[in-house]
Amino acid sequence: MKLTELKVGERGIVRSVESPLGGKLRALGLCEGETVEMLAVSPLKGMYLVGAGGIRIALRREAAECVLL
């Protein structure tokens, strides 16, 4: 399941980050084993706001689709 498939309020556990941006996403707190929560989705589903490790992270769709739960 991709991060983009979570509905607002749902949680998941990061299984892998498959992207050239993987290192940057991990540095932001999207590490394997981390619990993430979908906080908000933009009306056109181009941006996602997720919570992970006590912080909020805004991601573009392209980056969010690389995070597998």
N, C-alpha and C. Protein backbone atom coordinates (compact mmCIF):
# COMPACT_ATOMS: atom_id res chain seq x y z
N MET A 1 0.84 -1.17 0.00
CA MET A 1 0.00 0.00 0.00
C MET A 1 0.89 1.24 0.00
N LYS A 2 0.52 2.22 -0.79
CA LYS A 2 1.28 3.48 -0.85
C LYS A 2 0.75 4.46 0.18
N LEU A 3 1.59 5.36 0.61
CA LEU A 3 1.20 6.41 1.56
C LEU A 3 0.01 7.20 1.03
N THR A 4 -0.04 7.42 -0.27
CA THR A 4 -1.12 8.20 -0.87
C THR A 4 -2.48 7.52 -0.75
N GLU A 5 -2.51 6.24 -0.41
CA GLU A 5 -3.77 5.52 -0.28
C GLU A 5 -4.42 5.65 1.10
N LEU A 6 -3.68 6.22 2.06
CA LEU A 6 -4.27 6.45 3.38
C LEU A 6 -5.30 7.56 3.30
N LYS A 7 -6.36 7.42 4.09
CA LYS A 7 -7.35 8.47 4.21
C LYS A 7 -6.97 9.33 5.42
N VAL A 8 -7.47 10.55 5.46
CA VAL A 8 -7.18 11.45 6.58
C VAL A 8 -7.58 10.77 7.88
N GLY A 9 -6.67 10.77 8.84
CA GLY A 9 -6.89 10.16 10.14
C GLY A 9 -6.38 8.73 10.25
N GLU A 10 -6.08 8.08 9.13
CA GLU A 10 -5.57 6.72 9.16
C GLU A 10 -4.07 6.71 9.42
N ARG A 11 -3.61 5.59 9.98
CA ARG A 11 -2.19 5.41 10.27
C ARG A 11 -1.66 4.18 9.56
N GLY A 12 -0.35 4.18 9.36
CA GLY A 12 0.31 3.03 8.77
C GLY A 12 1.76 3.01 9.23
N ILE A 13 2.43 1.90 8.97
CA ILE A 13 3.84 1.75 9.33
C ILE A 13 4.64 1.69 8.04
N VAL A 14 5.67 2.52 7.96
CA VAL A 14 6.52 2.57 6.77
C VAL A 14 7.27 1.25 6.63
N ARG A 15 7.11 0.62 5.48
CA ARG A 15 7.82 -0.63 5.18
C ARG A 15 9.07 -0.37 4.35
N SER A 16 8.95 0.56 3.39
CA SER A 16 10.13 0.91 2.58
C SER A 16 9.90 2.25 1.91
N VAL A 17 11.00 2.87 1.51
CA VAL A 17 10.97 4.12 0.76
C VAL A 17 11.73 3.86 -0.52
N GLU A 18 11.02 3.82 -1.64
CA GLU A 18 11.61 3.46 -2.92
C GLU A 18 11.67 4.70 -3.82
N SER A 19 12.75 5.43 -3.71
CA SER A 19 12.87 6.68 -4.46
C SER A 19 14.31 7.16 -4.43
N PRO A 20 14.69 7.91 -5.47
CA PRO A 20 15.98 8.59 -5.39
C PRO A 20 16.01 9.59 -4.23
N LEU A 21 14.82 10.00 -3.77
CA LEU A 21 14.72 10.92 -2.63
C LEU A 21 14.72 10.18 -1.30
N GLY A 22 14.93 8.87 -1.32
CA GLY A 22 14.85 8.06 -0.12
C GLY A 22 15.66 8.59 1.04
N GLY A 23 16.88 9.01 0.78
CA GLY A 23 17.72 9.54 1.85
C GLY A 23 17.13 10.80 2.47
N LYS A 24 16.60 11.68 1.65
CA LYS A 24 15.99 12.92 2.17
C LYS A 24 14.71 12.62 2.94
N LEU A 25 13.91 11.69 2.42
CA LEU A 25 12.67 11.34 3.12
C LEU A 25 12.98 10.68 4.46
N ARG A 26 13.99 9.84 4.51
CA ARG A 26 14.39 9.22 5.79
C ARG A 26 14.89 10.28 6.76
N ALA A 27 15.64 11.27 6.25
CA ALA A 27 16.15 12.34 7.11
C ALA A 27 14.99 13.16 7.70
N LEU A 28 13.87 13.22 6.98
CA LEU A 28 12.70 13.94 7.48
C LEU A 28 11.92 13.13 8.52
N GLY A 29 12.22 11.85 8.63
CA GLY A 29 11.56 11.01 9.62
C GLY A 29 10.72 9.88 9.05
N LEU A 30 10.72 9.74 7.73
CA LEU A 30 9.96 8.65 7.11
C LEU A 30 10.85 7.43 6.96
N CYS A 31 11.23 6.85 8.09
CA CYS A 31 12.12 5.69 8.13
C CYS A 31 11.30 4.41 8.22
N GLU A 32 11.90 3.32 7.78
CA GLU A 32 11.26 2.02 7.91
C GLU A 32 10.92 1.75 9.37
N GLY A 33 9.70 1.28 9.61
CA GLY A 33 9.26 0.99 10.97
C GLY A 33 8.56 2.15 11.66
N GLU A 34 8.64 3.34 11.09
CA GLU A 34 8.01 4.54 11.69
C GLU A 34 6.52 4.53 11.41
N THR A 35 5.73 4.90 12.41
CA THR A 35 4.29 5.04 12.23
C THR A 35 4.00 6.43 11.66
N VAL A 36 3.19 6.47 10.62
CA VAL A 36 2.81 7.74 10.00
C VAL A 36 1.29 7.88 10.04
N GLU A 37 0.83 9.11 10.10
CA GLU A 37 -0.60 9.40 10.08
C GLU A 37 -0.88 10.43 9.00
N MET A 38 -1.91 10.20 8.21
CA MET A 38 -2.31 11.16 7.19
C MET A 38 -3.11 12.26 7.88
N LEU A 39 -2.60 13.47 7.83
CA LEU A 39 -3.24 14.59 8.51
C LEU A 39 -4.14 15.39 7.59
N ALA A 40 -3.72 15.56 6.33
CA ALA A 40 -4.52 16.34 5.37
C ALA A 40 -4.08 16.01 3.95
N VAL A 41 -5.04 16.19 3.03
CA VAL A 41 -4.76 16.00 1.61
C VAL A 41 -5.32 17.22 0.88
N SER A 42 -4.54 17.79 -0.03
CA SER A 42 -5.03 18.95 -0.77
C SER A 42 -6.21 18.54 -1.65
N PRO A 43 -7.09 19.49 -2.00
CA PRO A 43 -8.28 19.16 -2.78
C PRO A 43 -7.99 18.43 -4.10
N LEU A 44 -6.90 18.73 -4.75
CA LEU A 44 -6.57 18.07 -6.02
C LEU A 44 -5.59 16.92 -5.84
N LYS A 45 -5.36 16.54 -4.58
CA LYS A 45 -4.47 15.43 -4.22
C LYS A 45 -3.05 15.59 -4.74
N GLY A 46 -2.58 16.83 -4.77
CA GLY A 46 -1.22 17.09 -5.20
C GLY A 46 -0.25 17.19 -4.04
N MET A 47 -0.78 17.47 -2.84
CA MET A 47 0.05 17.61 -1.64
C MET A 47 -0.57 16.81 -0.50
N TYR A 48 0.31 16.26 0.33
CA TYR A 48 -0.10 15.44 1.46
C TYR A 48 0.61 15.94 2.71
N LEU A 49 -0.11 16.04 3.81
CA LEU A 49 0.49 16.41 5.08
C LEU A 49 0.40 15.19 5.98
N VAL A 50 1.56 14.69 6.42
CA VAL A 50 1.62 13.51 7.27
C VAL A 50 2.36 13.82 8.55
N GLY A 51 2.03 13.08 9.58
CA GLY A 51 2.73 13.19 10.85
C GLY A 51 3.58 11.96 11.05
N ALA A 52 4.81 12.15 11.48
CA ALA A 52 5.72 11.02 11.73
C ALA A 52 6.76 11.46 12.76
N GLY A 53 6.92 10.68 13.78
CA GLY A 53 7.94 10.98 14.78
C GLY A 53 7.76 12.31 15.47
N GLY A 54 6.50 12.73 15.65
CA GLY A 54 6.23 13.98 16.35
C GLY A 54 6.36 15.24 15.50
N ILE A 55 6.59 15.09 14.20
CA ILE A 55 6.67 16.25 13.32
C ILE A 55 5.66 16.11 12.18
N ARG A 56 5.39 17.21 11.49
CA ARG A 56 4.52 17.20 10.33
C ARG A 56 5.37 17.41 9.08
N ILE A 57 5.05 16.63 8.06
CA ILE A 57 5.83 16.67 6.82
C ILE A 57 4.87 16.86 5.65
N ALA A 58 5.11 17.87 4.83
CA ALA A 58 4.31 18.09 3.62
C ALA A 58 5.07 17.47 2.44
N LEU A 59 4.36 16.64 1.68
CA LEU A 59 4.98 15.93 0.56
C LEU A 59 4.18 16.14 -0.72
N ARG A 60 4.89 16.27 -1.83
CA ARG A 60 4.22 16.25 -3.13
C ARG A 60 3.81 14.82 -3.42
N ARG A 61 2.84 14.66 -4.31
CA ARG A 61 2.33 13.33 -4.65
C ARG A 61 3.45 12.40 -5.10
N GLU A 62 4.38 12.90 -5.93
CA GLU A 62 5.45 12.06 -6.45
C GLU A 62 6.30 11.45 -5.34
N ALA A 63 6.56 12.23 -4.31
CA ALA A 63 7.35 11.72 -3.17
C ALA A 63 6.51 10.79 -2.29
N ALA A 64 5.25 11.16 -2.04
CA ALA A 64 4.39 10.34 -1.18
C ALA A 64 4.13 8.96 -1.78
N GLU A 65 4.07 8.86 -3.11
CA GLU A 65 3.84 7.57 -3.75
C GLU A 65 5.02 6.61 -3.60
N CYS A 66 6.18 7.12 -3.24
CA CYS A 66 7.37 6.29 -3.06
C CYS A 66 7.46 5.66 -1.68
N VAL A 67 6.58 6.09 -0.77
CA VAL A 67 6.59 5.56 0.59
C VAL A 67 5.58 4.42 0.64
N LEU A 68 6.07 3.21 0.90
CA LEU A 68 5.22 2.02 0.96
C LEU A 68 4.95 1.64 2.41
N LEU A 69 3.71 1.30 2.69
CA LEU A 69 3.28 0.95 4.04
C LEU A 69 3.02 -0.54 4.14
